[in-house]
Amino acid sequence: MTQNSKLYVGNLSFNTTEDSLRDTFSEHGTVNDVKIITDRDSGRSRGFGFVEMDSAEEAQAAIQELDNTQLDGRSIQVNVARPRNDRGGSRGGYRSNSRW
């Protein structure tokens, strides 16, 4: 996978499935992976997902053809996915840079 072959797909309908997303994007190239992000507690879609295309060229073609188009009654947003930032920081109550 090249960096520019993974796409962010936003504004998804809660009714959109990974299979329907795969079918939509496969019209524009080879789809390697599809993941709709779901809420950890409810299991319900969070309204966005990721599609990994086979190449950066196919990803660009999908962006050109699918960005701002209708899917399951919603106008979807399609962009190159940005890398996840290291969230860092501690989750505990102690802060090492606190002033005493």
N, C-alpha and C. Protein backbone atom coordinates (compact mmCIF):
# COMPACT_ATOMS: atom_id res chain seq x y z
N MET A 1 0.84 -1.18 0.00
CA MET A 1 0.00 0.00 0.00
C MET A 1 0.88 1.24 0.00
N THR A 2 0.58 2.16 -0.88
CA THR A 2 1.27 3.44 -0.84
C THR A 2 0.51 4.39 0.05
N GLN A 3 1.18 5.41 0.53
CA GLN A 3 0.58 6.36 1.46
C GLN A 3 -0.70 6.98 0.90
N ASN A 4 -0.72 7.27 -0.38
CA ASN A 4 -1.86 7.97 -0.98
C ASN A 4 -2.95 7.05 -1.52
N SER A 5 -2.90 5.77 -1.16
CA SER A 5 -3.93 4.87 -1.66
C SER A 5 -5.01 4.60 -0.62
N LYS A 6 -4.85 5.14 0.59
CA LYS A 6 -5.86 4.98 1.62
C LYS A 6 -6.72 6.23 1.66
N LEU A 7 -8.03 6.04 1.59
CA LEU A 7 -8.97 7.15 1.50
C LEU A 7 -9.84 7.26 2.74
N TYR A 8 -10.10 8.47 3.15
CA TYR A 8 -11.07 8.77 4.19
C TYR A 8 -12.41 9.02 3.50
N VAL A 9 -13.47 8.41 3.99
CA VAL A 9 -14.81 8.62 3.43
C VAL A 9 -15.70 9.11 4.56
N GLY A 10 -16.16 10.35 4.45
CA GLY A 10 -16.95 10.95 5.51
C GLY A 10 -18.39 11.19 5.10
N ASN A 11 -19.21 11.51 6.10
CA ASN A 11 -20.63 11.80 5.95
C ASN A 11 -21.41 10.58 5.45
N LEU A 12 -21.00 9.40 5.91
CA LEU A 12 -21.69 8.17 5.52
C LEU A 12 -23.03 8.06 6.24
N SER A 13 -23.99 7.49 5.55
CA SER A 13 -25.26 7.15 6.16
C SER A 13 -25.03 6.04 7.18
N PHE A 14 -25.81 6.04 8.25
CA PHE A 14 -25.72 4.96 9.23
C PHE A 14 -26.15 3.63 8.62
N ASN A 15 -26.81 3.67 7.47
CA ASN A 15 -27.26 2.46 6.78
C ASN A 15 -26.22 1.90 5.81
N THR A 16 -25.15 2.65 5.54
CA THR A 16 -24.12 2.19 4.61
C THR A 16 -23.35 1.03 5.25
N THR A 17 -23.14 -0.02 4.47
CA THR A 17 -22.39 -1.19 4.95
C THR A 17 -21.01 -1.22 4.29
N GLU A 18 -20.12 -2.00 4.86
CA GLU A 18 -18.79 -2.14 4.25
C GLU A 18 -18.90 -2.75 2.86
N ASP A 19 -19.86 -3.67 2.68
CA ASP A 19 -20.05 -4.28 1.36
C ASP A 19 -20.51 -3.25 0.33
N SER A 20 -21.45 -2.38 0.70
CA SER A 20 -21.93 -1.39 -0.27
C SER A 20 -20.84 -0.35 -0.56
N LEU A 21 -20.02 -0.03 0.44
CA LEU A 21 -18.91 0.90 0.23
C LEU A 21 -17.88 0.27 -0.71
N ARG A 22 -17.59 -1.01 -0.49
CA ARG A 22 -16.65 -1.73 -1.36
C ARG A 22 -17.16 -1.75 -2.80
N ASP A 23 -18.45 -2.05 -2.97
CA ASP A 23 -19.04 -2.10 -4.32
C ASP A 23 -18.94 -0.75 -5.01
N THR A 24 -19.21 0.32 -4.28
CA THR A 24 -19.16 1.67 -4.86
C THR A 24 -17.76 2.02 -5.32
N PHE A 25 -16.77 1.75 -4.48
CA PHE A 25 -15.39 2.12 -4.82
C PHE A 25 -14.77 1.18 -5.83
N SER A 26 -15.22 -0.08 -5.89
CA SER A 26 -14.63 -1.03 -6.82
C SER A 26 -14.94 -0.68 -8.27
N GLU A 27 -15.90 0.20 -8.50
CA GLU A 27 -16.17 0.67 -9.86
C GLU A 27 -15.06 1.58 -10.37
N HIS A 28 -14.15 1.98 -9.46
CA HIS A 28 -13.08 2.92 -9.83
C HIS A 28 -11.69 2.34 -9.62
N GLY A 29 -11.61 1.04 -9.35
CA GLY A 29 -10.31 0.39 -9.18
C GLY A 29 -10.42 -0.77 -8.22
N THR A 30 -9.27 -1.38 -7.93
CA THR A 30 -9.22 -2.52 -7.02
C THR A 30 -9.24 -2.04 -5.58
N VAL A 31 -10.17 -2.57 -4.81
CA VAL A 31 -10.29 -2.21 -3.39
C VAL A 31 -9.62 -3.30 -2.57
N ASN A 32 -8.63 -2.92 -1.77
CA ASN A 32 -7.92 -3.89 -0.93
C ASN A 32 -8.56 -4.07 0.43
N ASP A 33 -9.15 -3.00 0.98
CA ASP A 33 -9.72 -3.08 2.31
C ASP A 33 -10.76 -1.98 2.51
N VAL A 34 -11.76 -2.26 3.32
CA VAL A 34 -12.80 -1.30 3.66
C VAL A 34 -13.07 -1.42 5.15
N LYS A 35 -13.16 -0.29 5.83
CA LYS A 35 -13.47 -0.31 7.26
C LYS A 35 -14.37 0.88 7.59
N ILE A 36 -15.59 0.60 8.06
CA ILE A 36 -16.45 1.65 8.59
C ILE A 36 -16.22 1.68 10.09
N ILE A 37 -15.94 2.86 10.61
CA ILE A 37 -15.64 3.02 12.03
C ILE A 37 -16.94 3.03 12.82
N THR A 38 -16.97 2.21 13.87
CA THR A 38 -18.17 2.10 14.69
C THR A 38 -17.90 2.54 16.12
N ASP A 39 -18.97 2.92 16.79
CA ASP A 39 -18.89 3.31 18.19
C ASP A 39 -18.56 2.08 19.02
N ARG A 40 -17.64 2.23 19.92
CA ARG A 40 -17.18 1.10 20.74
C ARG A 40 -18.30 0.52 21.60
N ASP A 41 -19.16 1.38 22.12
CA ASP A 41 -20.21 0.91 23.03
C ASP A 41 -21.45 0.40 22.31
N SER A 42 -21.93 1.18 21.35
CA SER A 42 -23.20 0.82 20.70
C SER A 42 -23.02 -0.05 19.46
N GLY A 43 -21.85 -0.03 18.84
CA GLY A 43 -21.61 -0.76 17.61
C GLY A 43 -22.17 -0.06 16.38
N ARG A 44 -22.76 1.12 16.58
CA ARG A 44 -23.36 1.89 15.48
C ARG A 44 -22.27 2.65 14.72
N SER A 45 -22.46 2.80 13.42
CA SER A 45 -21.52 3.53 12.59
C SER A 45 -21.32 4.94 13.13
N ARG A 46 -20.08 5.43 13.06
CA ARG A 46 -19.79 6.80 13.46
C ARG A 46 -19.89 7.76 12.27
N GLY A 47 -20.28 7.23 11.10
CA GLY A 47 -20.51 8.08 9.94
C GLY A 47 -19.30 8.32 9.06
N PHE A 48 -18.23 7.56 9.30
CA PHE A 48 -17.06 7.67 8.42
C PHE A 48 -16.34 6.34 8.37
N GLY A 49 -15.47 6.24 7.38
CA GLY A 49 -14.71 5.01 7.23
C GLY A 49 -13.50 5.22 6.34
N PHE A 50 -12.83 4.13 6.01
CA PHE A 50 -11.63 4.17 5.20
C PHE A 50 -11.70 3.10 4.12
N VAL A 51 -11.20 3.46 2.95
CA VAL A 51 -11.13 2.53 1.82
C VAL A 51 -9.70 2.54 1.33
N GLU A 52 -9.10 1.37 1.23
CA GLU A 52 -7.74 1.26 0.71
C GLU A 52 -7.80 0.75 -0.71
N MET A 53 -7.35 1.58 -1.64
CA MET A 53 -7.30 1.21 -3.05
C MET A 53 -5.95 0.56 -3.35
N ASP A 54 -5.83 -0.07 -4.51
CA ASP A 54 -4.61 -0.79 -4.88
C ASP A 54 -3.46 0.15 -5.22
N SER A 55 -3.77 1.35 -5.71
CA SER A 55 -2.71 2.28 -6.09
C SER A 55 -3.15 3.72 -5.85
N ALA A 56 -2.19 4.61 -5.82
CA ALA A 56 -2.49 6.04 -5.66
C ALA A 56 -3.30 6.56 -6.84
N GLU A 57 -3.06 6.01 -8.02
CA GLU A 57 -3.79 6.45 -9.21
C GLU A 57 -5.27 6.07 -9.10
N GLU A 58 -5.54 4.84 -8.65
CA GLU A 58 -6.92 4.43 -8.47
C GLU A 58 -7.60 5.24 -7.37
N ALA A 59 -6.85 5.55 -6.32
CA ALA A 59 -7.40 6.37 -5.24
C ALA A 59 -7.78 7.75 -5.75
N GLN A 60 -6.92 8.35 -6.57
CA GLN A 60 -7.22 9.68 -7.13
C GLN A 60 -8.44 9.61 -8.04
N ALA A 61 -8.56 8.54 -8.80
CA ALA A 61 -9.73 8.38 -9.67
C ALA A 61 -11.00 8.29 -8.83
N ALA A 62 -10.93 7.55 -7.74
CA ALA A 62 -12.10 7.42 -6.86
C ALA A 62 -12.46 8.77 -6.24
N ILE A 63 -11.47 9.54 -5.83
CA ILE A 63 -11.73 10.88 -5.28
C ILE A 63 -12.43 11.74 -6.32
N GLN A 64 -11.89 11.75 -7.54
CA GLN A 64 -12.45 12.57 -8.61
C GLN A 64 -13.91 12.20 -8.90
N GLU A 65 -14.19 10.90 -8.90
CA GLU A 65 -15.52 10.44 -9.29
C GLU A 65 -16.54 10.42 -8.15
N LEU A 66 -16.08 10.25 -6.91
CA LEU A 66 -17.02 10.00 -5.82
C LEU A 66 -17.17 11.13 -4.81
N ASP A 67 -16.19 12.03 -4.71
CA ASP A 67 -16.31 13.12 -3.74
C ASP A 67 -17.55 13.97 -4.04
N ASN A 68 -18.34 14.24 -3.03
CA ASN A 68 -19.58 15.03 -3.13
C ASN A 68 -20.66 14.36 -3.98
N THR A 69 -20.64 13.02 -4.05
CA THR A 69 -21.71 12.29 -4.73
C THR A 69 -22.62 11.66 -3.67
N GLN A 70 -23.76 11.19 -4.10
CA GLN A 70 -24.75 10.60 -3.19
C GLN A 70 -24.50 9.11 -3.00
N LEU A 71 -24.52 8.68 -1.74
CA LEU A 71 -24.46 7.27 -1.39
C LEU A 71 -25.43 7.06 -0.24
N ASP A 72 -26.43 6.23 -0.46
CA ASP A 72 -27.45 5.97 0.56
C ASP A 72 -28.09 7.24 1.08
N GLY A 73 -28.32 8.19 0.16
CA GLY A 73 -29.02 9.42 0.52
C GLY A 73 -28.17 10.49 1.16
N ARG A 74 -26.85 10.30 1.22
CA ARG A 74 -25.96 11.30 1.82
C ARG A 74 -24.90 11.70 0.81
N SER A 75 -24.49 12.97 0.86
CA SER A 75 -23.41 13.46 0.01
C SER A 75 -22.08 13.15 0.71
N ILE A 76 -21.36 12.16 0.19
CA ILE A 76 -20.14 11.70 0.86
C ILE A 76 -18.95 12.59 0.52
N GLN A 77 -17.99 12.60 1.45
CA GLN A 77 -16.72 13.30 1.26
C GLN A 77 -15.64 12.25 1.10
N VAL A 78 -14.81 12.40 0.09
CA VAL A 78 -13.73 11.44 -0.15
C VAL A 78 -12.43 12.21 -0.28
N ASN A 79 -11.46 11.87 0.57
CA ASN A 79 -10.15 12.52 0.57
C ASN A 79 -9.07 11.47 0.84
N VAL A 80 -7.82 11.83 0.54
CA VAL A 80 -6.71 10.98 0.95
C VAL A 80 -6.67 11.00 2.47
N ALA A 81 -6.58 9.81 3.08
CA ALA A 81 -6.54 9.72 4.54
C ALA A 81 -5.23 10.29 5.07
N ARG A 82 -5.34 11.03 6.15
CA ARG A 82 -4.14 11.54 6.82
C ARG A 82 -3.65 10.50 7.80
N PRO A 83 -2.33 10.41 7.99
CA PRO A 83 -1.81 9.44 8.97
C PRO A 83 -2.29 9.79 10.38
N ARG A 84 -2.49 8.77 11.19
CA ARG A 84 -2.87 9.01 12.59
C ARG A 84 -1.71 9.65 13.32
N ASN A 85 -2.00 10.68 14.06
CA ASN A 85 -0.96 11.31 14.88
C ASN A 85 -0.79 10.51 16.16
N ASP A 86 0.44 10.53 16.66
CA ASP A 86 0.68 9.90 17.95
C ASP A 86 -0.02 10.75 18.99
N ARG A 87 -1.00 10.17 19.63
CA ARG A 87 -1.80 10.96 20.57
C ARG A 87 -1.02 11.28 21.84
N GLY A 88 -0.07 10.44 22.19
CA GLY A 88 0.80 10.71 23.33
C GLY A 88 0.06 11.09 24.60
N GLY A 89 0.81 11.65 25.53
CA GLY A 89 0.20 12.10 26.77
C GLY A 89 -0.17 10.93 27.66
N SER A 90 -0.37 11.27 28.92
CA SER A 90 -0.77 10.21 29.85
C SER A 90 -2.25 10.32 30.13
N ARG A 91 -2.84 9.23 30.49
CA ARG A 91 -4.25 9.23 30.83
C ARG A 91 -4.45 9.23 32.33
N GLY A 92 -3.36 9.12 33.06
CA GLY A 92 -3.45 9.14 34.52
C GLY A 92 -3.59 10.57 35.01
N GLY A 93 -3.75 10.73 36.31
CA GLY A 93 -3.92 12.05 36.89
C GLY A 93 -2.62 12.77 37.14
N TYR A 94 -1.50 12.08 37.09
CA TYR A 94 -0.21 12.68 37.39
C TYR A 94 0.38 13.37 36.18
N ARG A 95 0.81 14.61 36.36
CA ARG A 95 1.48 15.34 35.27
C ARG A 95 2.89 15.64 35.70
N SER A 96 3.85 15.15 34.97
CA SER A 96 5.25 15.29 35.38
C SER A 96 5.72 16.74 35.31
N ASN A 97 5.03 17.60 34.57
CA ASN A 97 5.48 18.98 34.47
C ASN A 97 4.66 19.90 35.39
N SER A 98 3.97 19.31 36.37
CA SER A 98 3.18 20.12 37.31
C SER A 98 4.11 20.92 38.22
N ARG A 99 3.61 22.06 38.62
CA ARG A 99 4.34 22.84 39.62
C ARG A 99 3.78 22.51 40.98
N TRP A 100 4.67 22.29 41.95
CA TRP A 100 4.21 21.94 43.30
C TRP A 100 4.15 23.15 44.14
